[in-house]
Amino acid sequence: MSDSKPSILVVEDEPKLRRLLELQLADEGFRVHTAETAESGLQLAGKEEFDLVLSDFKLPGMTGVDFLQALKRINSDLPVIIMTAYGTVEAAVEAMKAGAADYVLKPFSLAELVLVIRKELAARELRDENRALREALGKRYEYKNVVAQSGPMQAVLALVERVAATNATVLLGGESGVGKDLIARAIHEHSQRAAGPFVKINSTAIPENLLESELFGYEKGAFSGATASKPGKFELADRGTLFLDEIGDVPPATQVKLLRVLQDREFERLGGTKTLKVDVRLIAATNRDLRAAIEEGAFREDLYYRLNVVAIDIPPLRDHKEDIPALATFFLEKFARESNQPVRKLKPEALRKLIDYHWPGNVRELENIITRAATLAAGDSLDASDIHFDSESPARRAAATAAPVLPPGMTLEKWEDEIIREALRRSNGNKSQAARALGLSRNALRYRLSKMGVADADDASDPAAAPTPETPHGG
């Protein structure tokens, strides 16, 4: 568009709020168009090009979901921010499922709204640049301590380059050992926050009852042993980046507080009453399927959408084996520096053995194996006989030669399905009883049944499936 100002379409049926948003957003440097109905908003979106749509979720004549879907048919890349009343988070989650980029809860401040708008505009610019990047050929990316010469890893670094320039929340996915911490640090070091702190915390390395105090800090006397106040990781990461590893294992109570920090950028220390404001960029990482965790009731859906602004999936090492020679050389040089020894070389037979391996532990396992080989090898080069994999341990060899764990011709998935069906047979179809017998939550069993194609209708024989007369529905 010829006008350099970002163009926003505001769809709001309440006249005073519509006019207020028009004036205030114009003062913030946006070009604003308004519509009072969903139909007029769609007409404008079909005629003019907008950078973003800000819409009430409840509009006369059309449901919020229908309006979102209609907008996406006009322009699938158009970011839409939903305004919804406080206490109707379910509607906001429904909107994000339908394609909304984000939401704000009424009543909201102008500063909060502008922050969300600018974040989404930056994310859209990132997506556009990344699309152009994928169309460009031959560009290479290099980052300190990140060895990535293959196509799959170059695609990851292309995303890193674009997302680093923004303040967007990033969700890193991938198996354990693929190097999510290195990618997180690369994003931080190439961002505008590079001069600020990079704070890392692994939720699985901290006992569940201590994680909240580690993240948010605590006041003196908050619990037994709290003899002095202590800042949490969010305070320590102010004006920098907080890398929260294994986000999928964060307990539900802490998930609520994380959601608040992402929405409002504020929190209280454990045992404190003072509200603290922070300016922190969050990079989260997980090796779990968070969508499955949502289905099982173990992860909040609204938190997932707050985290999943920009998703970067890091491929396992077996999918980019062409990086193994450079990675092995990198780890050999690192070992030589740290141990003050000359750099050893890899013989072709040793390199071939590394490339033929399946790498269940990914890059972390490769570093361990190279370090062990360099430590124990006698000569100035590593031969195939110096390379020993964890899968070659006596315990694993014994397991490999033992009787098969599964019945002949049965896959693990089929065996699991058969166990679930047997549990249902023994419980006469009572899903709650079957779930207890299997050591699962009822939601987890429902998720597995849906994957098996088993109907999810609650039957009268399952008393736990329906609320009891003594328990109110909201309780």
Protein backbone atom coordinates (compact mmCIF):
# COMPACT_ATOMS: atom_id res chain seq x y z
CA MET A 1 0.00 0.00 0.00
CA SER A 2 1.13 3.56 -0.69
CA ASP A 3 0.45 4.71 2.87
CA SER A 4 3.27 3.57 5.14
CA LYS A 5 1.00 3.55 8.19
CA PRO A 6 -0.38 0.09 9.12
CA SER A 7 -4.04 -0.14 8.15
CA ILE A 8 -6.50 -1.54 10.71
CA LEU A 9 -10.16 -2.46 10.31
CA VAL A 10 -12.14 -2.09 13.57
CA VAL A 11 -15.43 -4.02 13.68
CA GLU A 12 -17.47 -3.03 16.76
CA ASP A 13 -21.25 -2.56 17.06
CA GLU A 14 -21.11 -0.29 20.15
CA PRO A 15 -20.81 3.28 18.74
CA LYS A 16 -18.91 4.91 21.62
CA LEU A 17 -16.28 2.18 21.84
CA ARG A 18 -15.94 2.10 18.05
CA ARG A 19 -15.30 5.86 17.92
CA LEU A 20 -12.92 5.71 20.89
CA LEU A 21 -10.85 2.97 19.26
CA GLU A 22 -10.78 4.87 15.98
CA LEU A 23 -9.43 8.05 17.61
CA GLN A 24 -6.95 6.38 19.95
CA LEU A 25 -5.49 4.02 17.34
CA ALA A 26 -5.14 6.93 14.93
CA ASP A 27 -3.16 8.79 17.60
CA GLU A 28 -0.88 5.75 17.83
CA GLY A 29 0.00 6.07 14.15
CA PHE A 30 -2.43 3.59 12.57
CA ARG A 31 -4.72 4.17 9.60
CA VAL A 32 -8.16 3.14 10.90
CA HIS A 33 -11.37 2.09 9.13
CA THR A 34 -14.47 1.11 11.10
CA ALA A 35 -17.53 -1.07 10.59
CA GLU A 36 -20.51 -1.59 12.90
CA THR A 37 -21.64 -5.00 11.62
CA ALA A 38 -20.01 -8.20 10.48
CA GLU A 39 -21.52 -7.79 7.01
CA SER A 40 -20.15 -4.27 6.50
CA GLY A 41 -16.79 -5.40 7.87
CA LEU A 42 -16.63 -8.22 5.33
CA GLN A 43 -17.55 -5.82 2.53
CA LEU A 44 -14.71 -3.47 3.51
CA ALA A 45 -12.26 -6.38 3.81
CA GLY A 46 -13.22 -7.47 0.31
CA LYS A 47 -12.66 -4.01 -1.18
CA GLU A 48 -9.57 -2.74 0.67
CA GLU A 49 -6.31 -4.24 1.84
CA PHE A 50 -5.81 -4.23 5.61
CA ASP A 51 -2.84 -5.21 7.72
CA LEU A 52 -4.97 -6.32 10.69
CA VAL A 53 -8.58 -6.64 11.84
CA LEU A 54 -9.70 -5.80 15.40
CA SER A 55 -13.16 -7.21 16.02
CA ASP A 56 -15.65 -7.79 18.81
CA PHE A 57 -16.46 -11.48 19.13
CA LYS A 58 -20.18 -10.85 19.60
CA LEU A 59 -21.56 -9.11 16.51
CA PRO A 60 -25.21 -8.78 15.43
CA GLY A 61 -26.27 -11.06 12.61
CA MET A 62 -23.28 -13.42 12.65
CA THR A 63 -21.38 -15.50 15.19
CA GLY A 64 -17.79 -14.63 15.91
CA VAL A 65 -16.56 -17.94 14.48
CA ASP A 66 -18.56 -17.47 11.25
CA PHE A 67 -17.14 -13.95 10.88
CA LEU A 68 -13.59 -15.23 11.36
CA GLN A 69 -14.04 -17.98 8.82
CA ALA A 70 -15.50 -15.53 6.30
CA LEU A 71 -12.54 -13.17 6.80
CA LYS A 72 -10.09 -16.02 6.29
CA ARG A 73 -11.79 -16.89 3.00
CA ILE A 74 -11.14 -13.32 1.84
CA ASN A 75 -7.51 -13.26 3.06
CA SER A 76 -6.11 -16.31 4.85
CA ASP A 77 -3.01 -14.39 6.01
CA LEU A 78 -4.93 -11.50 7.60
CA PRO A 79 -4.32 -11.42 11.39
CA VAL A 80 -7.48 -10.95 13.47
CA ILE A 81 -7.49 -9.83 17.12
CA ILE A 82 -10.68 -10.58 19.02
CA MET A 83 -12.13 -8.40 21.79
CA THR A 84 -14.22 -10.38 24.24
CA ALA A 85 -15.70 -9.75 27.68
CA TYR A 86 -13.71 -10.71 30.77
CA GLY A 87 -14.65 -14.17 32.00
CA THR A 88 -15.39 -15.59 28.54
CA VAL A 89 -11.99 -17.08 27.88
CA GLU A 90 -13.69 -20.12 26.37
CA ALA A 91 -14.98 -17.89 23.59
CA ALA A 92 -11.48 -16.52 23.04
CA VAL A 93 -10.04 -20.02 22.75
CA GLU A 94 -12.83 -20.91 20.31
CA ALA A 95 -11.90 -17.84 18.27
CA MET A 96 -8.22 -18.82 18.15
CA LYS A 97 -9.20 -22.29 17.00
CA ALA A 98 -11.12 -20.62 14.17
CA GLY A 99 -8.06 -18.63 13.14
CA ALA A 100 -7.81 -15.56 15.37
CA ALA A 101 -4.23 -14.45 15.99
CA ASP A 102 -4.82 -13.21 19.55
CA TYR A 103 -7.44 -11.78 21.89
CA VAL A 104 -7.87 -9.05 24.52
CA LEU A 105 -10.31 -9.22 27.42
CA LYS A 106 -12.64 -6.29 28.07
CA PRO A 107 -12.07 -3.99 29.82
CA PHE A 108 -8.57 -3.43 28.43
CA SER A 109 -6.16 -0.50 28.43
CA LEU A 110 -5.04 1.22 25.25
CA ALA A 111 -1.42 0.33 26.08
CA GLU A 112 -2.31 -3.36 26.31
CA LEU A 113 -4.24 -3.26 23.03
CA VAL A 114 -1.48 -1.44 21.15
CA LEU A 115 1.08 -3.92 22.47
CA VAL A 116 -0.94 -6.86 21.13
CA ILE A 117 -1.54 -5.11 17.78
CA ARG A 118 2.14 -4.30 17.27
CA LYS A 119 3.13 -7.86 18.21
CA GLU A 120 0.76 -9.31 15.60
CA LEU A 121 1.88 -6.86 12.93
CA ALA A 122 5.49 -7.85 13.61
CA ALA A 123 4.56 -11.54 13.43
CA ARG A 124 2.82 -10.97 10.09
CA GLU A 125 5.86 -9.17 8.74
CA LEU A 126 7.95 -12.10 9.91
CA ARG A 127 5.73 -14.59 8.07
CA ASP A 128 5.84 -12.50 4.88
CA GLU A 129 9.62 -12.22 5.04
CA ASN A 130 9.98 -15.92 5.71
CA ARG A 131 7.79 -16.72 2.71
CA ALA A 132 10.04 -14.55 0.54
CA LEU A 133 13.04 -16.20 2.12
CA ARG A 134 11.85 -19.68 1.17
CA GLU A 135 11.51 -18.49 -2.41
CA ALA A 136 15.10 -17.20 -2.46
CA LEU A 137 17.74 -19.77 -3.39
CA GLY A 138 21.21 -20.37 -2.07
CA LYS A 139 21.26 -18.11 1.00
CA ARG A 140 23.25 -19.58 3.87
CA TYR A 141 22.96 -18.84 7.58
CA GLU A 142 25.70 -19.23 10.15
CA TYR A 143 25.41 -18.89 13.92
CA LYS A 144 28.03 -19.33 16.60
CA ASN A 145 28.03 -22.86 18.09
CA VAL A 146 25.25 -23.99 15.72
CA VAL A 147 26.40 -26.41 13.01
CA ALA A 148 23.72 -26.41 10.32
CA GLN A 149 24.73 -26.95 6.72
CA SER A 150 21.85 -29.20 5.67
CA GLY A 151 18.62 -28.03 4.07
CA PRO A 152 16.39 -28.86 7.09
CA MET A 153 18.65 -27.00 9.53
CA GLN A 154 19.14 -24.06 7.18
CA ALA A 155 15.34 -23.72 7.17
CA VAL A 156 15.43 -23.59 10.98
CA LEU A 157 18.10 -20.88 10.94
CA ALA A 158 16.12 -18.91 8.37
CA LEU A 159 13.27 -18.77 10.87
CA VAL A 160 15.68 -17.85 13.65
CA GLU A 161 16.97 -14.93 11.60
CA ARG A 162 13.49 -13.54 11.07
CA VAL A 163 12.00 -14.19 14.50
CA ALA A 164 15.04 -12.79 16.34
CA ALA A 165 14.26 -9.28 15.12
CA THR A 166 10.82 -9.34 16.76
CA ASN A 167 9.54 -9.72 20.31
CA ALA A 168 7.23 -12.59 19.37
CA THR A 169 6.92 -15.53 21.78
CA VAL A 170 8.58 -18.63 20.29
CA LEU A 171 7.71 -22.29 20.84
CA LEU A 172 10.57 -24.68 19.99
CA GLY A 173 9.62 -28.28 19.30
CA GLY A 174 11.69 -31.38 18.69
CA GLU A 175 13.01 -34.52 20.30
CA SER A 176 15.31 -34.46 23.32
CA GLY A 177 18.88 -33.66 22.36
CA VAL A 178 18.26 -31.80 19.09
CA GLY A 179 19.70 -28.52 20.43
CA LYS A 180 16.68 -26.45 21.40
CA ASP A 181 18.74 -24.54 23.98
CA LEU A 182 21.28 -23.51 21.31
CA ILE A 183 18.52 -22.27 19.02
CA ALA A 184 16.95 -20.33 21.89
CA ARG A 185 20.28 -18.67 22.67
CA ALA A 186 20.82 -17.86 18.98
CA ILE A 187 17.44 -16.09 18.89
CA HIS A 188 18.37 -14.06 21.97
CA GLU A 189 21.87 -13.14 20.79
CA HIS A 190 20.56 -11.84 17.47
CA SER A 191 17.66 -9.89 18.96
CA GLN A 192 17.34 -6.34 20.24
CA ARG A 193 17.56 -7.88 23.74
CA ALA A 194 21.05 -9.30 23.19
CA ALA A 195 22.55 -6.89 25.74
CA GLY A 196 20.04 -8.09 28.34
CA PRO A 197 20.10 -11.34 30.32
CA PHE A 198 19.44 -14.80 28.89
CA VAL A 199 17.93 -16.84 31.73
CA LYS A 200 17.32 -20.58 31.34
CA ILE A 201 15.15 -22.83 33.47
CA ASN A 202 14.23 -26.49 32.95
CA SER A 203 10.90 -27.31 34.55
CA THR A 204 11.73 -31.03 34.89
CA ALA A 205 14.95 -30.29 36.81
CA ILE A 206 13.08 -28.54 39.63
CA PRO A 207 10.61 -30.23 42.03
CA GLU A 208 7.02 -29.33 41.19
CA ASN A 209 6.43 -27.61 44.55
CA LEU A 210 9.45 -25.33 43.99
CA LEU A 211 8.92 -24.41 40.33
CA GLU A 212 6.52 -21.54 41.02
CA SER A 213 8.90 -19.89 43.49
CA GLU A 214 11.80 -20.35 41.04
CA LEU A 215 9.86 -18.64 38.26
CA PHE A 216 8.18 -15.86 40.22
CA GLY A 217 10.33 -15.52 43.35
CA TYR A 218 9.14 -15.35 46.96
CA GLU A 219 8.95 -12.99 49.90
CA LYS A 220 10.51 -13.52 53.30
CA GLY A 221 8.33 -15.83 55.38
CA ALA A 222 6.36 -17.12 52.40
CA PHE A 223 7.12 -20.67 53.53
CA SER A 224 9.27 -22.52 56.02
CA GLY A 225 12.90 -21.74 55.28
CA ALA A 226 12.23 -18.50 53.37
CA THR A 227 14.49 -16.39 55.58
CA ALA A 228 14.93 -13.68 52.96
CA SER A 229 13.15 -12.48 49.83
CA LYS A 230 14.38 -13.84 46.51
CA PRO A 231 13.64 -12.69 42.93
CA GLY A 232 12.44 -15.28 40.45
CA LYS A 233 13.60 -16.04 36.92
CA PHE A 234 11.12 -13.60 35.38
CA GLU A 235 12.58 -10.72 37.39
CA LEU A 236 16.13 -11.81 36.57
CA ALA A 237 15.26 -11.92 32.85
CA ASP A 238 13.75 -8.39 32.79
CA ARG A 239 14.64 -6.64 29.49
CA GLY A 240 16.04 -9.93 28.26
CA THR A 241 14.91 -13.45 27.36
CA LEU A 242 13.61 -16.29 29.52
CA PHE A 243 14.08 -19.77 28.05
CA LEU A 244 11.64 -22.19 29.68
CA ASP A 245 12.58 -25.73 28.69
CA GLU A 246 10.12 -28.64 28.91
CA ILE A 247 7.08 -26.36 29.07
CA GLY A 248 4.84 -29.40 28.67
CA ASP A 249 5.75 -30.59 32.17
CA VAL A 250 4.78 -27.37 33.97
CA PRO A 251 2.03 -28.14 36.56
CA PRO A 252 -1.47 -26.69 36.00
CA ALA A 253 -1.31 -24.11 38.82
CA THR A 254 1.90 -22.64 37.40
CA GLN A 255 0.41 -22.65 33.89
CA VAL A 256 -2.23 -20.19 35.12
CA LYS A 257 0.42 -17.75 36.35
CA LEU A 258 2.41 -18.15 33.12
CA LEU A 259 -0.68 -17.26 31.12
CA ARG A 260 -1.12 -14.09 33.18
CA VAL A 261 2.49 -13.03 32.60
CA LEU A 262 2.12 -13.54 28.85
CA GLN A 263 -1.16 -11.60 28.79
CA ASP A 264 -0.48 -8.78 31.25
CA ARG A 265 3.32 -8.94 31.82
CA GLU A 266 2.76 -8.83 35.57
CA PHE A 267 2.77 -11.18 38.58
CA GLU A 268 3.26 -11.34 42.34
CA ARG A 269 6.01 -13.14 44.21
CA LEU A 270 5.01 -16.15 46.28
CA GLY A 271 3.69 -14.78 49.59
CA GLY A 272 3.72 -11.21 48.27
CA THR A 273 1.01 -8.66 47.48
CA LYS A 274 2.98 -6.20 45.33
CA THR A 275 2.32 -6.56 41.60
CA LEU A 276 5.56 -6.60 39.61
CA LYS A 277 5.82 -5.58 35.93
CA VAL A 278 8.42 -7.18 33.66
CA ASP A 279 9.57 -6.82 30.07
CA VAL A 280 10.55 -10.37 29.17
CA ARG A 281 10.54 -12.28 25.93
CA LEU A 282 9.59 -15.92 26.50
CA ILE A 283 11.03 -18.77 24.45
CA ALA A 284 9.50 -22.11 25.43
CA ALA A 285 10.56 -25.58 24.36
CA THR A 286 9.02 -29.02 24.53
CA ASN A 287 9.63 -32.54 23.29
CA ARG A 288 5.99 -33.43 24.01
CA ASP A 289 2.99 -33.24 21.71
CA LEU A 290 1.18 -30.34 23.40
CA ARG A 291 -1.96 -30.92 21.35
CA ALA A 292 -2.19 -34.43 22.81
CA ALA A 293 -1.49 -33.01 26.28
CA ILE A 294 -4.42 -30.62 25.81
CA GLU A 295 -6.69 -33.51 24.87
CA GLU A 296 -5.54 -35.37 27.98
CA GLY A 297 -6.30 -32.35 30.17
CA ALA A 298 -2.63 -31.91 31.14
CA PHE A 299 -2.02 -28.59 29.36
CA ARG A 300 -4.12 -25.43 29.09
CA GLU A 301 -5.38 -24.70 25.61
CA ASP A 302 -5.36 -20.91 26.11
CA LEU A 303 -1.70 -21.05 27.25
CA TYR A 304 -0.82 -23.12 24.18
CA TYR A 305 -2.17 -20.45 21.85
CA ARG A 306 -0.29 -17.75 23.76
CA LEU A 307 2.95 -19.71 23.39
CA ASN A 308 2.49 -20.85 19.82
CA VAL A 309 2.92 -17.41 18.18
CA VAL A 310 5.93 -18.58 16.16
CA ALA A 311 6.61 -22.33 16.17
CA ILE A 312 10.02 -23.68 15.17
CA ASP A 313 10.35 -27.46 14.91
CA ILE A 314 13.93 -28.72 15.04
CA PRO A 315 14.39 -31.97 13.08
CA PRO A 316 16.02 -35.05 14.65
CA LEU A 317 19.61 -35.81 13.64
CA ARG A 318 18.54 -38.84 11.60
CA ASP A 319 16.72 -36.42 9.25
CA HIS A 320 19.82 -34.32 8.53
CA LYS A 321 22.71 -36.80 8.64
CA GLU A 322 24.63 -34.66 6.15
CA ASP A 323 25.48 -32.44 9.15
CA ILE A 324 27.22 -35.29 11.01
CA PRO A 325 30.75 -34.78 9.54
CA ALA A 326 30.77 -31.07 10.45
CA LEU A 327 29.22 -31.75 13.88
CA ALA A 328 31.77 -34.47 14.66
CA THR A 329 34.63 -32.16 13.66
CA PHE A 330 33.15 -29.37 15.78
CA PHE A 331 32.97 -31.62 18.86
CA LEU A 332 36.52 -32.92 18.27
CA GLU A 333 37.83 -29.34 18.11
CA LYS A 334 35.87 -28.44 21.24
CA PHE A 335 37.34 -31.42 23.11
CA ALA A 336 40.86 -30.47 21.99
CA ARG A 337 40.45 -26.89 23.26
CA GLU A 338 39.03 -27.93 26.62
CA SER A 339 41.60 -30.69 27.24
CA ASN A 340 44.57 -28.83 25.70
CA GLN A 341 45.26 -31.65 23.25
CA PRO A 342 45.84 -31.70 19.48
CA VAL A 343 42.76 -32.12 17.30
CA ARG A 344 42.15 -35.71 16.25
CA LYS A 345 40.86 -36.65 12.82
CA LEU A 346 38.04 -39.00 11.89
CA LYS A 347 38.95 -41.88 9.59
CA PRO A 348 36.46 -42.60 6.78
CA GLU A 349 35.40 -45.86 8.43
CA ALA A 350 34.59 -44.07 11.68
CA LEU A 351 32.62 -41.40 9.85
CA ARG A 352 30.69 -44.05 7.93
CA LYS A 353 29.81 -45.77 11.21
CA LEU A 354 28.50 -42.48 12.62
CA ILE A 355 26.39 -41.79 9.53
CA ASP A 356 24.88 -45.30 9.51
CA TYR A 357 23.71 -45.02 13.14
CA HIS A 358 20.06 -44.08 13.86
CA TRP A 359 20.79 -41.50 16.65
CA PRO A 360 17.93 -41.84 19.15
CA GLY A 361 19.70 -39.29 21.40
CA ASN A 362 20.30 -36.83 18.53
CA VAL A 363 23.08 -34.22 18.62
CA ARG A 364 23.61 -34.55 22.37
CA GLU A 365 24.33 -38.27 21.96
CA LEU A 366 26.74 -37.52 19.09
CA GLU A 367 28.71 -35.10 21.29
CA ASN A 368 28.91 -37.65 24.12
CA ILE A 369 30.12 -40.40 21.78
CA ILE A 370 32.75 -38.17 20.14
CA THR A 371 33.99 -36.96 23.53
CA ARG A 372 34.22 -40.50 24.87
CA ALA A 373 36.04 -41.71 21.76
CA ALA A 374 38.53 -38.82 21.87
CA THR A 375 39.15 -39.41 25.57
CA LEU A 376 39.92 -43.13 25.24
CA ALA A 377 41.55 -43.32 21.79
CA ALA A 378 45.30 -43.89 21.72
CA GLY A 379 46.27 -42.55 18.30
CA ASP A 380 45.99 -39.18 16.57
CA SER A 381 42.86 -40.23 14.68
CA LEU A 382 39.60 -42.02 15.47
CA ASP A 383 38.89 -45.35 13.81
CA ALA A 384 35.58 -47.24 13.67
CA SER A 385 36.70 -49.35 16.63
CA ASP A 386 36.92 -46.19 18.76
CA ILE A 387 33.23 -45.40 18.20
CA HIS A 388 30.96 -47.08 20.76
CA PHE A 389 27.21 -46.41 20.83
CA ASP A 390 25.02 -46.58 23.92
CA SER A 391 22.86 -49.16 22.14
CA GLU A 392 25.89 -51.49 22.14
CA SER A 393 25.94 -51.74 25.96
CA PRO A 394 25.69 -55.25 27.45
CA ALA A 395 22.22 -54.53 28.89
CA ARG A 396 20.87 -53.45 25.51
CA ARG A 397 22.48 -56.39 23.69
CA ALA A 398 20.87 -58.74 26.22
CA ALA A 399 17.51 -57.08 25.70
CA ALA A 400 17.88 -57.38 21.94
CA THR A 401 18.53 -61.13 22.15
CA ALA A 402 15.81 -61.82 24.74
CA ALA A 403 12.33 -63.00 23.92
CA PRO A 404 10.23 -60.37 22.08
CA VAL A 405 8.25 -58.02 24.34
CA LEU A 406 5.23 -57.91 22.01
CA PRO A 407 3.29 -60.91 20.67
CA PRO A 408 4.39 -61.97 17.16
CA GLY A 409 2.88 -59.81 14.42
CA MET A 410 1.63 -57.19 16.91
CA THR A 411 2.76 -53.57 16.83
CA LEU A 412 2.94 -51.46 19.99
CA GLU A 413 -0.03 -49.37 18.85
CA LYS A 414 -2.18 -52.44 18.15
CA TRP A 415 -1.17 -54.00 21.47
CA GLU A 416 -2.15 -50.83 23.34
CA ASP A 417 -5.52 -50.76 21.55
CA GLU A 418 -6.12 -54.40 22.52
CA ILE A 419 -5.30 -53.68 26.19
CA ILE A 420 -7.75 -50.77 26.20
CA ARG A 421 -10.49 -52.90 24.64
CA GLU A 422 -9.86 -55.62 27.23
CA ALA A 423 -10.13 -53.07 30.06
CA LEU A 424 -13.47 -51.87 28.63
CA ARG A 425 -14.72 -55.46 28.39
CA ARG A 426 -13.81 -56.17 32.00
CA SER A 427 -15.53 -52.98 33.18
CA ASN A 428 -18.65 -53.66 31.08
CA GLY A 429 -18.06 -50.47 29.11
CA ASN A 430 -17.65 -48.22 32.16
CA LYS A 431 -14.98 -45.77 30.95
CA SER A 432 -14.13 -44.33 34.36
CA GLN A 433 -13.58 -47.84 35.78
CA ALA A 434 -11.52 -48.82 32.73
CA ALA A 435 -9.41 -45.66 33.06
CA ARG A 436 -8.66 -46.46 36.72
CA ALA A 437 -7.65 -50.01 35.81
CA LEU A 438 -5.27 -48.68 33.15
CA GLY A 439 -3.82 -45.98 35.42
CA LEU A 440 -5.11 -43.21 33.14
CA SER A 441 -7.24 -40.14 33.66
CA ARG A 442 -10.66 -40.33 32.04
CA ASN A 443 -9.66 -37.58 29.59
CA ALA A 444 -6.56 -39.54 28.61
CA LEU A 445 -8.67 -42.63 27.96
CA ARG A 446 -11.14 -40.60 25.90
CA TYR A 447 -8.25 -39.26 23.81
CA ARG A 448 -6.97 -42.79 23.10
CA LEU A 449 -10.48 -44.02 22.30
CA SER A 450 -10.93 -41.19 19.80
CA LYS A 451 -7.68 -42.25 18.09
CA MET A 452 -9.07 -45.80 17.92
CA GLY A 453 -12.30 -44.53 16.37
CA VAL A 454 -14.44 -45.57 19.36
CA ALA A 455 -17.54 -43.42 19.93
CA ASP A 456 -17.27 -41.05 22.91
CA ALA A 457 -20.93 -41.05 23.99
CA ASP A 458 -21.29 -41.25 27.76
CA ASP A 459 -23.58 -44.11 28.77
CA ALA A 460 -25.80 -44.52 31.77
CA SER A 461 -23.64 -47.35 33.08
CA ASP A 462 -20.84 -44.89 33.75
CA PRO A 463 -21.88 -42.94 36.87
CA ALA A 464 -18.69 -40.87 36.86
CA ALA A 465 -19.45 -39.57 33.37
CA ALA A 466 -22.32 -37.40 34.59
CA PRO A 467 -22.46 -34.88 37.46
CA THR A 468 -24.02 -36.17 40.65
CA PRO A 469 -27.05 -34.33 42.10
CA GLU A 470 -24.89 -33.09 45.00
CA THR A 471 -22.27 -31.54 42.71
CA PRO A 472 -23.14 -28.29 40.91
CA HIS A 473 -21.97 -28.10 37.28
CA GLY A 474 -19.58 -25.27 38.01
CA GLY A 475 -18.03 -26.92 41.06
